[in-house]
Amino acid sequence: MATIALVDDDENILTSVSMALEAEGHSVKTYVDGAKALA
């Protein structure tokens, strides 16, 4: 499946959304800072 970059400053959102996406078989990379996500 897809690799998804997930960016949000709320770690609770990152955790819940990434868990849902991983349960569907996706690989998820999480970032709390937009600049780090683009690096």
PDB file of N, CA and C in Angstrom:
ATOM      1  N   MET A   1       0.829  -1.180   0.000  1.00  0.00           N
ATOM      2  CA  MET A   1       0.000   0.000   0.000  1.00  0.00           C
ATOM      3  C   MET A   1       0.878   1.250   0.000  1.00  0.00           C
ATOM      4  N   ALA A   2       0.252   2.380   0.221  1.00  0.00           N
ATOM      5  CA  ALA A   2       0.921   3.680   0.131  1.00  0.00           C
ATOM      6  C   ALA A   2       1.705   4.013   1.395  1.00  0.00           C
ATOM      7  N   THR A   3       2.719   4.852   1.218  1.00  0.00           N
ATOM      8  CA  THR A   3       3.399   5.476   2.345  1.00  0.00           C
ATOM      9  C   THR A   3       2.842   6.886   2.462  1.00  0.00           C
ATOM     10  N   ILE A   4       2.367   7.232   3.643  1.00  0.00           N
ATOM     11  CA  ILE A   4       1.679   8.498   3.860  1.00  0.00           C
ATOM     12  C   ILE A   4       2.458   9.340   4.856  1.00  0.00           C
ATOM     13  N   ALA A   5       2.703  10.608   4.507  1.00  0.00           N
ATOM     14  CA  ALA A   5       3.309  11.565   5.430  1.00  0.00           C
ATOM     15  C   ALA A   5       2.175  12.311   6.120  1.00  0.00           C
ATOM     16  N   LEU A   6       2.165  12.252   7.421  1.00  0.00           N
ATOM     17  CA  LEU A   6       1.108  12.871   8.216  1.00  0.00           C
ATOM     18  C   LEU A   6       1.733  13.965   9.071  1.00  0.00           C
ATOM     19  N   VAL A   7       1.228  15.199   8.937  1.00  0.00           N
ATOM     20  CA  VAL A   7       1.788  16.347   9.653  1.00  0.00           C
ATOM     21  C   VAL A   7       0.696  17.005  10.486  1.00  0.00           C
ATOM     22  N   ASP A   8       0.952  17.131  11.787  1.00  0.00           N
ATOM     23  CA  ASP A   8       0.029  17.837  12.677  1.00  0.00           C
ATOM     24  C   ASP A   8       0.789  18.188  13.949  1.00  0.00           C
ATOM     25  N   ASP A   9       0.466  19.321  14.550  1.00  0.00           N
ATOM     26  CA  ASP A   9       1.147  19.704  15.784  1.00  0.00           C
ATOM     27  C   ASP A   9       0.527  19.060  17.024  1.00  0.00           C
ATOM     28  N   ASP A  10      -0.561  18.340  16.853  1.00  0.00           N
ATOM     29  CA  ASP A  10      -1.223  17.644  17.955  1.00  0.00           C
ATOM     30  C   ASP A  10      -0.851  16.162  17.895  1.00  0.00           C
ATOM     31  N   GLU A  11      -0.042  15.723  18.855  1.00  0.00           N
ATOM     32  CA  GLU A  11       0.439  14.340  18.828  1.00  0.00           C
ATOM     33  C   GLU A  11      -0.692  13.325  18.996  1.00  0.00           C
ATOM     34  N   ASN A  12      -1.771  13.701  19.671  1.00  0.00           N
ATOM     35  CA  ASN A  12      -2.913  12.786  19.808  1.00  0.00           C
ATOM     36  C   ASN A  12      -3.555  12.518  18.456  1.00  0.00           C
ATOM     37  N   ILE A  13      -3.664  13.549  17.637  1.00  0.00           N
ATOM     38  CA  ILE A  13      -4.211  13.386  16.283  1.00  0.00           C
ATOM     39  C   ILE A  13      -3.286  12.493  15.467  1.00  0.00           C
ATOM     40  N   LEU A  14      -1.981  12.760  15.548  1.00  0.00           N
ATOM     41  CA  LEU A  14      -1.016  11.945  14.801  1.00  0.00           C
ATOM     42  C   LEU A  14      -1.144  10.473  15.174  1.00  0.00           C
ATOM     43  N   THR A  15      -1.244  10.205  16.453  1.00  0.00           N
ATOM     44  CA  THR A  15      -1.329   8.823  16.917  1.00  0.00           C
ATOM     45  C   THR A  15      -2.596   8.143  16.416  1.00  0.00           C
ATOM     46  N   SER A  16      -3.750   8.785  16.600  1.00  0.00           N
ATOM     47  CA  SER A  16      -4.989   8.120  16.211  1.00  0.00           C
ATOM     48  C   SER A  16      -5.125   7.953  14.713  1.00  0.00           C
ATOM     49  N   VAL A  17      -4.743   8.965  13.944  1.00  0.00           N
ATOM     50  CA  VAL A  17      -4.866   8.845  12.489  1.00  0.00           C
ATOM     51  C   VAL A  17      -3.854   7.838  11.953  1.00  0.00           C
ATOM     52  N   SER A  18      -2.623   7.874  12.465  1.00  0.00           N
ATOM     53  CA  SER A  18      -1.624   6.924  11.971  1.00  0.00           C
ATOM     54  C   SER A  18      -2.003   5.486  12.319  1.00  0.00           C
ATOM     55  N   MET A  19      -2.578   5.268  13.491  1.00  0.00           N
ATOM     56  CA  MET A  19      -3.013   3.915  13.852  1.00  0.00           C
ATOM     57  C   MET A  19      -4.109   3.428  12.913  1.00  0.00           C
ATOM     58  N   ALA A  20      -5.037   4.300  12.569  1.00  0.00           N
ATOM     59  CA  ALA A  20      -6.121   3.920  11.656  1.00  0.00           C
ATOM     60  C   ALA A  20      -5.573   3.599  10.270  1.00  0.00           C
ATOM     61  N   LEU A  21      -4.647   4.415   9.788  1.00  0.00           N
ATOM     62  CA  LEU A  21      -4.070   4.180   8.461  1.00  0.00           C
ATOM     63  C   LEU A  21      -3.225   2.908   8.437  1.00  0.00           C
ATOM     64  N   GLU A  22      -2.447   2.679   9.500  1.00  0.00           N
ATOM     65  CA  GLU A  22      -1.634   1.465   9.570  1.00  0.00           C
ATOM     66  C   GLU A  22      -2.516   0.220   9.642  1.00  0.00           C
ATOM     67  N   ALA A  23      -3.651   0.317  10.307  1.00  0.00           N
ATOM     68  CA  ALA A  23      -4.585  -0.811  10.385  1.00  0.00           C
ATOM     69  C   ALA A  23      -5.128  -1.176   9.008  1.00  0.00           C
ATOM     70  N   GLU A  24      -5.148  -0.202   8.104  1.00  0.00           N
ATOM     71  CA  GLU A  24      -5.591  -0.444   6.728  1.00  0.00           C
ATOM     72  C   GLU A  24      -4.443  -0.898   5.829  1.00  0.00           C
ATOM     73  N   GLY A  25      -3.232  -1.024   6.404  1.00  0.00           N
ATOM     74  CA  GLY A  25      -2.106  -1.549   5.653  1.00  0.00           C
ATOM     75  C   GLY A  25      -1.148  -0.516   5.096  1.00  0.00           C
ATOM     76  N   HIS A  26      -1.354   0.748   5.423  1.00  0.00           N
ATOM     77  CA  HIS A  26      -0.470   1.800   4.924  1.00  0.00           C
ATOM     78  C   HIS A  26       0.733   1.967   5.844  1.00  0.00           C
ATOM     79  N   SER A  27       1.815   2.465   5.282  1.00  0.00           N
ATOM     80  CA  SER A  27       2.977   2.861   6.058  1.00  0.00           C
ATOM     81  C   SER A  27       2.842   4.360   6.313  1.00  0.00           C
ATOM     82  N   VAL A  28       3.047   4.788   7.563  1.00  0.00           N
ATOM     83  CA  VAL A  28       2.822   6.189   7.918  1.00  0.00           C
ATOM     84  C   VAL A  28       4.074   6.775   8.552  1.00  0.00           C
ATOM     85  N   LYS A  29       4.477   7.933   8.061  1.00  0.00           N
ATOM     86  CA  LYS A  29       5.554   8.706   8.677  1.00  0.00           C
ATOM     87  C   LYS A  29       4.905   9.936   9.286  1.00  0.00           C
ATOM     88  N   THR A  30       5.144  10.161  10.584  1.00  0.00           N
ATOM     89  CA  THR A  30       4.494  11.276  11.269  1.00  0.00           C
ATOM     90  C   THR A  30       5.499  12.376  11.590  1.00  0.00           C
ATOM     91  N   TYR A  31       5.012  13.608  11.515  1.00  0.00           N
ATOM     92  CA  TYR A  31       5.825  14.789  11.798  1.00  0.00           C
ATOM     93  C   TYR A  31       4.988  15.793  12.577  1.00  0.00           C
ATOM     94  N   VAL A  32       5.598  16.432  13.586  1.00  0.00           N
ATOM     95  CA  VAL A  32       4.904  17.471  14.344  1.00  0.00           C
ATOM     96  C   VAL A  32       5.268  18.866  13.847  1.00  0.00           C
ATOM     97  N   ASP A  33       6.132  18.927  12.850  1.00  0.00           N
ATOM     98  CA  ASP A  33       6.609  20.204  12.326  1.00  0.00           C
ATOM     99  C   ASP A  33       6.654  20.129  10.809  1.00  0.00           C
ATOM    100  N   GLY A  34       6.007  21.062  10.146  1.00  0.00           N
ATOM    101  CA  GLY A  34       5.959  21.063   8.688  1.00  0.00           C
ATOM    102  C   GLY A  34       7.320  21.154   8.039  1.00  0.00           C
ATOM    103  N   ALA A  35       8.231  21.922   8.638  1.00  0.00           N
ATOM    104  CA  ALA A  35       9.578  22.066   8.076  1.00  0.00           C
ATOM    105  C   ALA A  35      10.319  20.731   8.093  1.00  0.00           C
ATOM    106  N   LYS A  36      10.155  19.965   9.159  1.00  0.00           N
ATOM    107  CA  LYS A  36      10.804  18.648   9.229  1.00  0.00           C
ATOM    108  C   LYS A  36      10.201  17.686   8.215  1.00  0.00           C
ATOM    109  N   ALA A  37       8.917  17.814   7.975  1.00  0.00           N
ATOM    110  CA  ALA A  37       8.258  16.942   7.001  1.00  0.00           C
ATOM    111  C   ALA A  37       8.781  17.200   5.597  1.00  0.00           C
ATOM    112  N   LEU A  38       9.122  18.444   5.308  1.00  0.00           N
ATOM    113  CA  LEU A  38       9.598  18.802   3.973  1.00  0.00           C
ATOM    114  C   LEU A  38      11.097  18.610   3.800  1.00  0.00           C
ATOM    115  N   ALA A  39      11.818  18.373   4.880  1.00  0.00           N
ATOM    116  CA  ALA A  39      13.281  18.224   4.807  1.00  0.00           C
ATOM    117  C   ALA A  39      13.687  16.920   4.152  1.00  0.00           C
TER     118      ALA A  39
END
